[in-house]
Every structure is written in C-alpha cells, then in structure tokens.
Protein backbone atom coordinates (compact mmCIF):
# COMPACT_ATOMS: atom_id res chain seq x y z
CA UNK A 1 -41.69 69.21 -124.12
CA UNK A 2 -38.11 70.19 -125.94
CA UNK A 3 -36.66 72.72 -125.60
CA UNK A 4 -36.09 75.08 -129.42
CA UNK A 5 -32.25 76.87 -129.93
CA UNK A 6 -32.48 79.39 -131.45
CA UNK A 7 -32.29 77.94 -135.28
CA UNK A 8 -35.66 76.60 -134.35
CA UNK A 9 -34.16 72.96 -133.23
CA UNK A 10 -34.31 71.11 -130.49
CA UNK A 11 -31.91 69.87 -128.89
CA UNK A 12 -32.42 66.33 -129.46
CA UNK A 13 -32.53 66.71 -133.25
CA UNK A 14 -29.39 68.81 -133.07
CA UNK A 15 -27.13 65.98 -131.42
CA UNK A 16 -28.70 63.52 -134.00
CA UNK A 17 -26.44 64.64 -136.95
CA UNK A 18 -23.72 65.72 -135.44
CA UNK A 19 -23.61 61.51 -134.45
CA UNK A 20 -24.79 61.66 -138.53
CA UNK A 21 -21.58 63.80 -139.71
CA UNK A 22 -19.73 62.17 -137.03
CA UNK A 23 -20.35 58.18 -138.07
CA UNK A 24 -19.80 59.25 -141.74
CA UNK A 25 -16.13 60.84 -140.78
CA UNK A 26 -15.57 57.53 -138.72
CA UNK A 27 -16.72 55.74 -142.02
CA UNK A 28 -14.36 56.83 -144.16
CA UNK A 29 -11.19 56.70 -142.12
CA UNK A 30 -12.19 52.88 -141.59
CA UNK A 31 -10.41 51.26 -144.11
CA UNK A 32 -10.64 47.49 -144.85
CA UNK A 33 -7.41 44.94 -144.21
CA UNK A 34 -8.00 43.89 -147.86
CA UNK A 35 -6.91 48.17 -148.56
CA UNK A 36 -4.39 47.08 -146.43
CA UNK A 37 -2.97 43.77 -148.06
CA UNK A 38 -3.45 46.20 -151.13
CA UNK A 39 -0.96 48.91 -150.50
CA UNK A 40 1.53 47.24 -148.75
CA UNK A 41 2.01 44.59 -151.89
CA UNK A 42 1.81 47.46 -153.86
CA UNK A 43 4.38 49.62 -152.11
CA UNK A 44 6.89 46.57 -151.60
CA UNK A 45 6.75 45.96 -155.79
CA UNK A 46 7.92 49.80 -155.99
CA UNK A 47 10.66 48.61 -152.85
CA UNK A 48 11.88 45.48 -155.17
CA UNK A 49 11.65 47.09 -158.89
CA UNK A 50 13.96 49.93 -157.22
CA UNK A 51 16.21 47.60 -155.44
CA UNK A 52 16.18 46.25 -159.10
CA UNK A 53 17.17 49.07 -160.80
CA UNK A 54 20.24 50.44 -158.48
CA UNK A 55 22.28 46.82 -159.06
CA UNK A 56 21.34 47.54 -162.50
CA UNK A 57 23.15 50.31 -162.78
CA UNK A 58 25.63 49.35 -160.73
CA UNK A 59 26.07 45.08 -161.24
CA UNK A 60 24.46 44.75 -164.10
CA UNK A 61 21.22 43.13 -166.50
CA UNK A 62 22.21 40.03 -165.18
CA UNK A 63 22.49 40.38 -160.77
CA UNK A 64 19.49 42.81 -161.78
CA UNK A 65 17.43 39.92 -162.43
CA UNK A 66 18.60 37.35 -159.41
CA UNK A 67 17.58 40.09 -157.57
CA UNK A 68 14.66 40.58 -158.54
CA UNK A 69 13.44 37.06 -158.14
CA UNK A 70 15.06 36.36 -155.09
CA UNK A 71 13.53 39.33 -153.28
CA UNK A 72 9.84 38.27 -153.85
CA UNK A 73 10.49 34.60 -153.45
CA UNK A 74 12.26 34.74 -150.29
CA UNK A 75 9.28 36.59 -148.87
CA UNK A 76 6.71 33.92 -150.48
CA UNK A 77 8.77 30.83 -148.53
CA UNK A 78 9.44 32.87 -145.15
CA UNK A 79 5.35 33.38 -145.57
CA UNK A 80 4.46 30.21 -146.30
CA UNK A 81 6.71 28.77 -143.02
CA UNK A 82 5.46 30.84 -140.90
CA UNK A 83 1.78 30.13 -141.60
CA UNK A 84 2.29 26.10 -141.90
CA UNK A 85 3.67 26.53 -137.71
CA UNK A 86 1.20 28.29 -137.02
CA UNK A 87 -2.06 26.21 -138.32
CA UNK A 88 -2.64 22.94 -136.19
C-alpha cells in the first residue's frame, strides 16, 4: 500500500504529474533545425538590408544595389563549395 499525502495523492501519482509537467516544459524548449535555419535567414536578411541602406546613404544607390546582390551570392557560393567538398 502506498502512503497518502496531505492532499490525498500518493507520492507515485505526484511524481507522474511532475514528470508530465516537465515533459511539456521541455517540449516548449525544443526547436527544430528548420526553425533555427529560418531564424538565421531572417536575421541575415535584416543584416543585408541594413548594410545596403547604410551604403545607400553614404555611397549611393548603385553601390548599395551591388552590395545587396554581392553578399547573398558570396554566401551561397561559399556554402555550395563547402558542401561539394564534404560529399564524396
């Protein structure tokens, strides 16, 4: 026989409820790789746009457009070359 607590619940029942709450807590904290990559892409877009705006203010629109195109192309080429060297 399991001893009852002051609220009428057994200690085993109380442990099961606390584990359930912890499981829900950890489920909220888990993030998938897709979420993380989407967040990274969003912040990269913010960075490229802000740098382009600063260059547009200081140097002009043509230079800003060049930077706006050059940054993503450079990152894409770097990623593509690193992926091609890893895969056999």
